[in-house]
Amino acid sequence: MPEKLTYSEAKLKIEHWCAYQERCQYEVNLKLQSYGLLLEERDSLISDLISNRFVDEERFAEAFVSGKFRIKRWGKIKIKQHLKQKFISNYSIQKGLNTIEKEDYEKTAFSLVEKKNRELDKVKNPFEKKTKIHAYLASKGYEFEVIENAYQDFLVNIG
């Protein structure tokens, strides 16, 4: 078990950690716990980090949404679930999700349909192929309507 840090040591360390990458209050609290700080000390430090803009829930949500959508190509459902696990407010979640352009979202869903269709080249049954494509996009967190529209667009393009 790591030794307990003093308040000032923890403050320096956590500020550096927060400056390196966007963090949410939940993550910061867990990190401060690992430093052996008491609840009052953690609360005081978190308040200080918020007032000095080291921690900003809305900024965190926007960065999280951007990364998960652009890099991992997650859908809004999966992104929202992961933000809820970090105790991000619905307001901040919605603000973050609103940064995804509708056109980009639809293009990404379409490209995932194309990708999965190529992977399922050996599957000849069209119903089985459609089911697998739908399941894949659903597992990535896309809404049924978005999946169906992307799939229909795909069929039109190959038709």
N, C-alpha and C. Protein backbone atom coordinates (compact mmCIF):
# COMPACT_ATOMS: atom_id res chain seq x y z
N MET A 1 0.85 -1.19 0.00
CA MET A 1 0.00 0.00 0.00
C MET A 1 0.89 1.25 0.00
N PRO A 2 0.60 2.20 -0.89
CA PRO A 2 1.45 3.40 -0.94
C PRO A 2 1.30 4.23 0.34
N GLU A 3 2.37 4.95 0.64
CA GLU A 3 2.32 5.77 1.86
C GLU A 3 1.37 6.95 1.66
N LYS A 4 0.83 7.43 2.78
CA LYS A 4 -0.12 8.54 2.75
C LYS A 4 0.62 9.83 2.39
N LEU A 5 0.06 10.56 1.43
CA LEU A 5 0.65 11.84 1.04
C LEU A 5 0.09 12.95 1.93
N THR A 6 0.88 13.98 2.10
CA THR A 6 0.36 15.15 2.81
C THR A 6 -0.59 15.88 1.86
N TYR A 7 -1.37 16.80 2.42
CA TYR A 7 -2.32 17.57 1.62
C TYR A 7 -1.59 18.32 0.51
N SER A 8 -0.49 18.99 0.84
CA SER A 8 0.21 19.78 -0.17
C SER A 8 0.88 18.90 -1.22
N GLU A 9 1.40 17.72 -0.82
CA GLU A 9 1.98 16.79 -1.81
C GLU A 9 0.89 16.29 -2.76
N ALA A 10 -0.24 15.93 -2.17
CA ALA A 10 -1.37 15.44 -2.97
C ALA A 10 -1.86 16.52 -3.93
N LYS A 11 -1.89 17.76 -3.46
CA LYS A 11 -2.37 18.88 -4.28
C LYS A 11 -1.49 19.04 -5.52
N LEU A 12 -0.20 19.05 -5.33
CA LEU A 12 0.73 19.17 -6.46
C LEU A 12 0.59 18.01 -7.44
N LYS A 13 0.52 16.82 -6.89
CA LYS A 13 0.45 15.62 -7.71
C LYS A 13 -0.86 15.57 -8.50
N ILE A 14 -1.97 15.89 -7.85
CA ILE A 14 -3.28 15.80 -8.51
C ILE A 14 -3.44 16.91 -9.54
N GLU A 15 -2.88 18.09 -9.28
CA GLU A 15 -2.94 19.17 -10.27
C GLU A 15 -2.20 18.77 -11.54
N HIS A 16 -1.05 18.16 -11.37
CA HIS A 16 -0.28 17.70 -12.52
C HIS A 16 -1.07 16.63 -13.28
N TRP A 17 -1.68 15.70 -12.54
CA TRP A 17 -2.46 14.60 -13.13
C TRP A 17 -3.65 15.15 -13.92
N CYS A 18 -4.31 16.16 -13.37
CA CYS A 18 -5.47 16.77 -14.03
C CYS A 18 -5.06 17.63 -15.24
N ALA A 19 -3.89 18.24 -15.17
CA ALA A 19 -3.42 19.07 -16.27
C ALA A 19 -3.02 18.21 -17.47
N TYR A 20 -2.61 16.99 -17.21
CA TYR A 20 -2.17 16.07 -18.26
C TYR A 20 -3.32 15.66 -19.18
N GLN A 21 -4.50 15.44 -18.59
CA GLN A 21 -5.65 14.95 -19.35
C GLN A 21 -6.93 15.34 -18.61
N GLU A 22 -8.03 15.51 -19.36
CA GLU A 22 -9.31 15.85 -18.71
C GLU A 22 -9.70 14.75 -17.72
N ARG A 23 -10.13 15.15 -16.56
CA ARG A 23 -10.57 14.21 -15.52
C ARG A 23 -11.92 14.67 -14.99
N CYS A 24 -12.69 13.72 -14.46
CA CYS A 24 -13.95 14.06 -13.82
C CYS A 24 -13.77 13.94 -12.31
N GLN A 25 -14.74 14.49 -11.57
CA GLN A 25 -14.65 14.48 -10.10
C GLN A 25 -14.53 13.06 -9.55
N TYR A 26 -15.27 12.14 -10.16
CA TYR A 26 -15.25 10.75 -9.70
C TYR A 26 -13.84 10.16 -9.79
N GLU A 27 -13.17 10.35 -10.93
CA GLU A 27 -11.81 9.84 -11.12
C GLU A 27 -10.83 10.50 -10.14
N VAL A 28 -10.99 11.81 -9.97
CA VAL A 28 -10.11 12.56 -9.06
C VAL A 28 -10.28 12.06 -7.64
N ASN A 29 -11.54 11.83 -7.24
CA ASN A 29 -11.81 11.35 -5.88
C ASN A 29 -11.16 9.99 -5.65
N LEU A 30 -11.26 9.09 -6.64
CA LEU A 30 -10.63 7.77 -6.51
C LEU A 30 -9.11 7.90 -6.38
N LYS A 31 -8.52 8.79 -7.17
CA LYS A 31 -7.07 8.99 -7.12
C LYS A 31 -6.65 9.55 -5.75
N LEU A 32 -7.44 10.52 -5.26
CA LEU A 32 -7.12 11.10 -3.95
C LEU A 32 -7.27 10.07 -2.83
N GLN A 33 -8.23 9.18 -2.99
CA GLN A 33 -8.39 8.09 -2.01
C GLN A 33 -7.13 7.23 -2.00
N SER A 34 -6.60 6.96 -3.20
CA SER A 34 -5.40 6.12 -3.28
C SER A 34 -4.19 6.81 -2.64
N TYR A 35 -4.25 8.14 -2.52
CA TYR A 35 -3.18 8.88 -1.85
C TYR A 35 -3.34 8.84 -0.33
N GLY A 36 -4.45 8.26 0.14
CA GLY A 36 -4.67 8.13 1.57
C GLY A 36 -5.28 9.36 2.22
N LEU A 37 -5.92 10.24 1.44
CA LEU A 37 -6.51 11.45 2.00
C LEU A 37 -7.88 11.16 2.62
N LEU A 38 -8.19 11.87 3.67
CA LEU A 38 -9.50 11.75 4.32
C LEU A 38 -10.56 12.44 3.48
N LEU A 39 -11.82 12.13 3.74
CA LEU A 39 -12.94 12.68 2.97
C LEU A 39 -12.93 14.21 2.94
N GLU A 40 -12.70 14.85 4.10
CA GLU A 40 -12.69 16.31 4.16
C GLU A 40 -11.57 16.89 3.30
N GLU A 41 -10.41 16.24 3.33
CA GLU A 41 -9.27 16.70 2.53
C GLU A 41 -9.58 16.53 1.04
N ARG A 42 -10.17 15.40 0.69
CA ARG A 42 -10.52 15.15 -0.72
C ARG A 42 -11.53 16.18 -1.20
N ASP A 43 -12.57 16.43 -0.40
CA ASP A 43 -13.59 17.41 -0.77
C ASP A 43 -12.98 18.80 -0.95
N SER A 44 -12.11 19.17 -0.04
CA SER A 44 -11.47 20.47 -0.11
C SER A 44 -10.61 20.60 -1.37
N LEU A 45 -9.84 19.55 -1.66
CA LEU A 45 -8.97 19.56 -2.84
C LEU A 45 -9.80 19.59 -4.13
N ILE A 46 -10.88 18.82 -4.17
CA ILE A 46 -11.73 18.79 -5.37
C ILE A 46 -12.35 20.17 -5.60
N SER A 47 -12.81 20.82 -4.53
CA SER A 47 -13.36 22.18 -4.65
C SER A 47 -12.31 23.13 -5.21
N ASP A 48 -11.10 23.00 -4.71
CA ASP A 48 -10.00 23.84 -5.18
C ASP A 48 -9.71 23.58 -6.66
N LEU A 49 -9.70 22.30 -7.06
CA LEU A 49 -9.44 21.93 -8.45
C LEU A 49 -10.52 22.48 -9.38
N ILE A 50 -11.76 22.46 -8.91
CA ILE A 50 -12.87 22.98 -9.72
C ILE A 50 -12.76 24.50 -9.86
N SER A 51 -12.51 25.18 -8.75
CA SER A 51 -12.44 26.65 -8.81
C SER A 51 -11.24 27.12 -9.64
N ASN A 52 -10.19 26.32 -9.71
CA ASN A 52 -9.03 26.67 -10.52
C ASN A 52 -9.06 26.03 -11.91
N ARG A 53 -10.20 25.47 -12.27
CA ARG A 53 -10.49 24.91 -13.60
C ARG A 53 -9.58 23.74 -14.00
N PHE A 54 -9.05 23.04 -13.01
CA PHE A 54 -8.32 21.80 -13.31
C PHE A 54 -9.33 20.70 -13.63
N VAL A 55 -10.51 20.79 -13.01
CA VAL A 55 -11.59 19.83 -13.21
C VAL A 55 -12.82 20.60 -13.66
N ASP A 56 -13.39 20.18 -14.78
CA ASP A 56 -14.58 20.82 -15.32
C ASP A 56 -15.42 19.72 -15.96
N GLU A 57 -16.59 19.45 -15.36
CA GLU A 57 -17.43 18.34 -15.80
C GLU A 57 -17.87 18.47 -17.26
N GLU A 58 -18.27 19.66 -17.67
CA GLU A 58 -18.72 19.85 -19.05
C GLU A 58 -17.57 19.65 -20.03
N ARG A 59 -16.42 20.20 -19.70
CA ARG A 59 -15.24 20.05 -20.56
C ARG A 59 -14.85 18.57 -20.64
N PHE A 60 -14.93 17.87 -19.49
CA PHE A 60 -14.61 16.44 -19.47
C PHE A 60 -15.57 15.68 -20.39
N ALA A 61 -16.88 15.96 -20.26
CA ALA A 61 -17.89 15.26 -21.07
C ALA A 61 -17.64 15.50 -22.56
N GLU A 62 -17.34 16.73 -22.93
CA GLU A 62 -17.09 17.04 -24.34
C GLU A 62 -15.85 16.30 -24.86
N ALA A 63 -14.79 16.26 -24.06
CA ALA A 63 -13.57 15.57 -24.46
C ALA A 63 -13.80 14.06 -24.55
N PHE A 64 -14.55 13.53 -23.59
CA PHE A 64 -14.85 12.09 -23.57
C PHE A 64 -15.66 11.71 -24.81
N VAL A 65 -16.71 12.49 -25.08
CA VAL A 65 -17.57 12.23 -26.25
C VAL A 65 -16.73 12.29 -27.52
N SER A 66 -15.94 13.31 -27.65
CA SER A 66 -15.12 13.49 -28.85
C SER A 66 -14.20 12.29 -29.07
N GLY A 67 -13.50 11.90 -28.03
CA GLY A 67 -12.56 10.78 -28.14
C GLY A 67 -13.24 9.46 -28.45
N LYS A 68 -14.28 9.15 -27.73
CA LYS A 68 -14.96 7.86 -27.93
C LYS A 68 -15.65 7.80 -29.28
N PHE A 69 -16.19 8.92 -29.76
CA PHE A 69 -16.85 8.91 -31.06
C PHE A 69 -15.83 8.86 -32.19
N ARG A 70 -14.84 9.75 -32.14
CA ARG A 70 -13.90 9.84 -33.26
C ARG A 70 -12.90 8.68 -33.32
N ILE A 71 -12.45 8.23 -32.18
CA ILE A 71 -11.42 7.19 -32.17
C ILE A 71 -12.02 5.78 -32.11
N LYS A 72 -12.92 5.56 -31.15
CA LYS A 72 -13.50 4.22 -31.00
C LYS A 72 -14.78 4.04 -31.80
N ARG A 73 -15.31 5.15 -32.34
CA ARG A 73 -16.52 5.15 -33.15
C ARG A 73 -17.72 4.57 -32.39
N TRP A 74 -17.81 4.96 -31.12
CA TRP A 74 -18.95 4.55 -30.30
C TRP A 74 -20.16 5.39 -30.65
N GLY A 75 -21.34 4.80 -30.44
CA GLY A 75 -22.60 5.51 -30.59
C GLY A 75 -22.97 6.24 -29.31
N LYS A 76 -24.02 7.05 -29.41
CA LYS A 76 -24.43 7.89 -28.29
C LYS A 76 -24.89 7.10 -27.07
N ILE A 77 -25.53 5.96 -27.28
CA ILE A 77 -26.02 5.16 -26.14
C ILE A 77 -24.85 4.68 -25.28
N LYS A 78 -23.83 4.14 -25.91
CA LYS A 78 -22.67 3.62 -25.18
C LYS A 78 -21.90 4.74 -24.49
N ILE A 79 -21.75 5.85 -25.19
CA ILE A 79 -21.04 7.00 -24.60
C ILE A 79 -21.79 7.47 -23.36
N LYS A 80 -23.11 7.60 -23.48
CA LYS A 80 -23.92 8.07 -22.36
C LYS A 80 -23.81 7.13 -21.16
N GLN A 81 -23.85 5.83 -21.41
CA GLN A 81 -23.73 4.84 -20.33
C GLN A 81 -22.40 5.00 -19.59
N HIS A 82 -21.34 5.16 -20.34
CA HIS A 82 -20.01 5.29 -19.72
C HIS A 82 -19.87 6.60 -18.93
N LEU A 83 -20.48 7.66 -19.42
CA LEU A 83 -20.44 8.92 -18.67
C LEU A 83 -21.27 8.81 -17.38
N LYS A 84 -22.39 8.11 -17.45
CA LYS A 84 -23.23 7.91 -16.25
C LYS A 84 -22.46 7.11 -15.19
N GLN A 85 -21.65 6.16 -15.63
CA GLN A 85 -20.83 5.38 -14.69
C GLN A 85 -19.82 6.25 -13.96
N LYS A 86 -19.50 7.39 -14.55
CA LYS A 86 -18.56 8.33 -13.93
C LYS A 86 -19.31 9.45 -13.19
N PHE A 87 -20.62 9.27 -13.03
CA PHE A 87 -21.48 10.21 -12.30
C PHE A 87 -21.49 11.62 -12.88
N ILE A 88 -21.44 11.68 -14.21
CA ILE A 88 -21.53 12.96 -14.91
C ILE A 88 -23.02 13.34 -15.00
N SER A 89 -23.34 14.61 -14.80
CA SER A 89 -24.74 15.05 -14.82
C SER A 89 -25.35 14.90 -16.21
N ASN A 90 -26.66 14.72 -16.25
CA ASN A 90 -27.37 14.60 -17.52
C ASN A 90 -27.15 15.84 -18.39
N TYR A 91 -27.11 17.00 -17.75
CA TYR A 91 -26.87 18.26 -18.47
C TYR A 91 -25.53 18.20 -19.21
N SER A 92 -24.48 17.82 -18.51
CA SER A 92 -23.14 17.76 -19.11
C SER A 92 -23.06 16.68 -20.18
N ILE A 93 -23.73 15.55 -19.92
CA ILE A 93 -23.75 14.46 -20.91
C ILE A 93 -24.39 14.97 -22.20
N GLN A 94 -25.55 15.62 -22.06
CA GLN A 94 -26.26 16.12 -23.23
C GLN A 94 -25.44 17.16 -23.98
N LYS A 95 -24.79 18.03 -23.21
CA LYS A 95 -23.95 19.06 -23.83
C LYS A 95 -22.81 18.41 -24.62
N GLY A 96 -22.22 17.38 -24.07
CA GLY A 96 -21.16 16.66 -24.76
C GLY A 96 -21.67 15.96 -26.01
N LEU A 97 -22.81 15.27 -25.89
CA LEU A 97 -23.38 14.56 -27.04
C LEU A 97 -23.78 15.51 -28.16
N ASN A 98 -24.17 16.72 -27.79
CA ASN A 98 -24.56 17.72 -28.80
C ASN A 98 -23.39 18.18 -29.67
N THR A 99 -22.17 17.86 -29.26
CA THR A 99 -21.01 18.24 -30.05
C THR A 99 -20.82 17.32 -31.27
N ILE A 100 -21.54 16.19 -31.29
CA ILE A 100 -21.46 15.27 -32.43
C ILE A 100 -22.40 15.79 -33.51
N GLU A 101 -21.86 16.07 -34.68
CA GLU A 101 -22.67 16.53 -35.80
C GLU A 101 -23.49 15.36 -36.34
N LYS A 102 -24.76 15.64 -36.63
CA LYS A 102 -25.67 14.60 -37.13
C LYS A 102 -25.10 13.92 -38.38
N GLU A 103 -24.57 14.70 -39.30
CA GLU A 103 -24.02 14.15 -40.53
C GLU A 103 -22.83 13.23 -40.26
N ASP A 104 -21.94 13.62 -39.35
CA ASP A 104 -20.79 12.79 -38.98
C ASP A 104 -21.25 11.48 -38.34
N TYR A 105 -22.27 11.59 -37.51
CA TYR A 105 -22.81 10.42 -36.80
C TYR A 105 -23.37 9.41 -37.81
N GLU A 106 -24.13 9.92 -38.75
CA GLU A 106 -24.74 9.05 -39.77
C GLU A 106 -23.68 8.44 -40.69
N LYS A 107 -22.67 9.24 -41.06
CA LYS A 107 -21.58 8.74 -41.91
C LYS A 107 -20.80 7.64 -41.19
N THR A 108 -20.57 7.83 -39.90
CA THR A 108 -19.84 6.83 -39.12
C THR A 108 -20.63 5.53 -39.04
N ALA A 109 -21.93 5.64 -38.79
CA ALA A 109 -22.78 4.44 -38.74
C ALA A 109 -22.75 3.72 -40.09
N PHE A 110 -22.82 4.48 -41.16
CA PHE A 110 -22.78 3.91 -42.51
C PHE A 110 -21.45 3.18 -42.75
N SER A 111 -20.34 3.81 -42.36
CA SER A 111 -19.03 3.18 -42.58
C SER A 111 -18.87 1.92 -41.73
N LEU A 112 -19.50 1.89 -40.55
CA LEU A 112 -19.46 0.69 -39.73
C LEU A 112 -20.28 -0.44 -40.37
N VAL A 113 -21.39 -0.08 -41.01
CA VAL A 113 -22.19 -1.08 -41.74
C VAL A 113 -21.35 -1.66 -42.87
N GLU A 114 -20.67 -0.78 -43.63
CA GLU A 114 -19.80 -1.25 -44.73
C GLU A 114 -18.71 -2.18 -44.21
N LYS A 115 -18.07 -1.77 -43.14
CA LYS A 115 -16.97 -2.55 -42.55
C LYS A 115 -17.45 -3.93 -42.13
N LYS A 116 -18.57 -3.96 -41.40
CA LYS A 116 -19.09 -5.24 -40.91
C LYS A 116 -19.55 -6.11 -42.07
N ASN A 117 -20.12 -5.50 -43.08
CA ASN A 117 -20.56 -6.27 -44.25
C ASN A 117 -19.38 -6.96 -44.93
N ARG A 118 -18.25 -6.25 -45.04
CA ARG A 118 -17.03 -6.86 -45.63
C ARG A 118 -16.55 -8.05 -44.79
N GLU A 119 -16.62 -7.88 -43.46
CA GLU A 119 -16.19 -8.96 -42.57
C GLU A 119 -17.10 -10.19 -42.69
N LEU A 120 -18.35 -9.95 -43.07
CA LEU A 120 -19.33 -11.04 -43.17
C LEU A 120 -19.48 -11.52 -44.61
N ASP A 121 -18.43 -11.40 -45.38
CA ASP A 121 -18.46 -11.76 -46.80
C ASP A 121 -18.92 -13.20 -47.03
N LYS A 122 -18.55 -14.10 -46.14
CA LYS A 122 -18.88 -15.52 -46.31
C LYS A 122 -20.32 -15.84 -45.94
N VAL A 123 -20.99 -14.93 -45.22
CA VAL A 123 -22.39 -15.16 -44.82
C VAL A 123 -23.28 -14.85 -46.02
N LYS A 124 -23.98 -15.86 -46.50
CA LYS A 124 -24.80 -15.69 -47.72
C LYS A 124 -26.26 -15.35 -47.39
N ASN A 125 -26.74 -15.77 -46.24
CA ASN A 125 -28.13 -15.51 -45.85
C ASN A 125 -28.29 -14.03 -45.52
N PRO A 126 -29.08 -13.27 -46.32
CA PRO A 126 -29.20 -11.83 -46.10
C PRO A 126 -29.80 -11.47 -44.74
N PHE A 127 -30.73 -12.29 -44.24
CA PHE A 127 -31.33 -12.01 -42.93
C PHE A 127 -30.29 -12.16 -41.82
N GLU A 128 -29.48 -13.21 -41.92
CA GLU A 128 -28.42 -13.46 -40.93
C GLU A 128 -27.39 -12.32 -40.96
N LYS A 129 -27.05 -11.89 -42.17
CA LYS A 129 -26.08 -10.81 -42.32
C LYS A 129 -26.62 -9.51 -41.71
N LYS A 130 -27.87 -9.20 -42.02
CA LYS A 130 -28.50 -7.99 -41.47
C LYS A 130 -28.53 -8.05 -39.94
N THR A 131 -28.90 -9.20 -39.39
CA THR A 131 -28.97 -9.38 -37.93
C THR A 131 -27.61 -9.15 -37.29
N LYS A 132 -26.57 -9.68 -37.91
CA LYS A 132 -25.22 -9.52 -37.36
C LYS A 132 -24.74 -8.07 -37.45
N ILE A 133 -25.07 -7.40 -38.55
CA ILE A 133 -24.70 -6.00 -38.71
C ILE A 133 -25.43 -5.15 -37.66
N HIS A 134 -26.72 -5.40 -37.49
CA HIS A 134 -27.50 -4.67 -36.48
C HIS A 134 -26.92 -4.90 -35.09
N ALA A 135 -26.60 -6.15 -34.76
CA ALA A 135 -26.06 -6.47 -33.43
C ALA A 135 -24.72 -5.77 -33.21
N TYR A 136 -23.90 -5.72 -34.26
CA TYR A 136 -22.59 -5.07 -34.14
C TYR A 136 -22.74 -3.58 -33.84
N LEU A 137 -23.59 -2.90 -34.59
CA LEU A 137 -23.78 -1.46 -34.37
C LEU A 137 -24.47 -1.19 -33.03
N ALA A 138 -25.37 -2.07 -32.64
CA ALA A 138 -26.02 -1.91 -31.33
C ALA A 138 -24.98 -2.06 -30.21
N SER A 139 -24.04 -2.99 -30.38
CA SER A 139 -22.99 -3.17 -29.36
C SER A 139 -22.06 -1.97 -29.30
N LYS A 140 -21.97 -1.22 -30.40
CA LYS A 140 -21.17 0.01 -30.42
C LYS A 140 -21.96 1.19 -29.85
N GLY A 141 -23.25 0.98 -29.57
CA GLY A 141 -24.04 2.02 -28.92
C GLY A 141 -24.87 2.89 -29.84
N TYR A 142 -25.17 2.40 -31.04
CA TYR A 142 -26.00 3.18 -31.96
C TYR A 142 -27.48 2.86 -31.75
N GLU A 143 -28.32 3.85 -31.98
CA GLU A 143 -29.75 3.72 -31.83
C GLU A 143 -30.31 2.90 -32.99
N PHE A 144 -31.41 2.16 -32.74
CA PHE A 144 -32.00 1.29 -33.76
C PHE A 144 -32.29 2.06 -35.04
N GLU A 145 -32.89 3.23 -34.91
CA GLU A 145 -33.26 4.02 -36.09
C GLU A 145 -32.04 4.40 -36.93
N VAL A 146 -30.97 4.78 -36.26
CA VAL A 146 -29.73 5.16 -36.94
C VAL A 146 -29.14 3.94 -37.67
N ILE A 147 -29.17 2.80 -36.99
CA ILE A 147 -28.65 1.56 -37.58
C ILE A 147 -29.46 1.19 -38.83
N GLU A 148 -30.77 1.22 -38.69
CA GLU A 148 -31.64 0.83 -39.80
C GLU A 148 -31.47 1.78 -40.99
N ASN A 149 -31.38 3.08 -40.72
CA ASN A 149 -31.18 4.05 -41.81
C ASN A 149 -29.84 3.81 -42.51
N ALA A 150 -28.80 3.57 -41.73
CA ALA A 150 -27.47 3.31 -42.32
C ALA A 150 -27.51 2.03 -43.15
N TYR A 151 -28.19 1.02 -42.64
CA TYR A 151 -28.28 -0.26 -43.37
C TYR A 151 -29.05 -0.09 -44.67
N GLN A 152 -30.16 0.65 -44.62
CA GLN A 152 -30.96 0.88 -45.83
C GLN A 152 -30.17 1.70 -46.86
N ASP A 153 -29.44 2.71 -46.39
CA ASP A 153 -28.58 3.50 -47.28
C ASP A 153 -27.53 2.62 -47.94
N PHE A 154 -26.99 1.70 -47.14
CA PHE A 154 -25.98 0.77 -47.64
C PHE A 154 -26.57 -0.11 -48.76
N LEU A 155 -27.77 -0.63 -48.54
CA LEU A 155 -28.42 -1.48 -49.54
C LEU A 155 -28.66 -0.70 -50.84
N VAL A 156 -29.07 0.56 -50.71
CA VAL A 156 -29.30 1.40 -51.89
C VAL A 156 -27.99 1.61 -52.66
N ASN A 157 -26.90 1.81 -51.93
CA ASN A 157 -25.60 2.07 -52.57
C ASN A 157 -25.02 0.84 -53.26
N ILE A 158 -25.33 -0.35 -52.74
CA ILE A 158 -24.78 -1.56 -53.40
C ILE A 158 -25.74 -2.09 -54.46
N GLY A 159 -27.01 -1.63 -54.37
CA GLY A 159 -28.05 -2.11 -55.29
C GLY A 159 -27.82 -1.64 -56.65
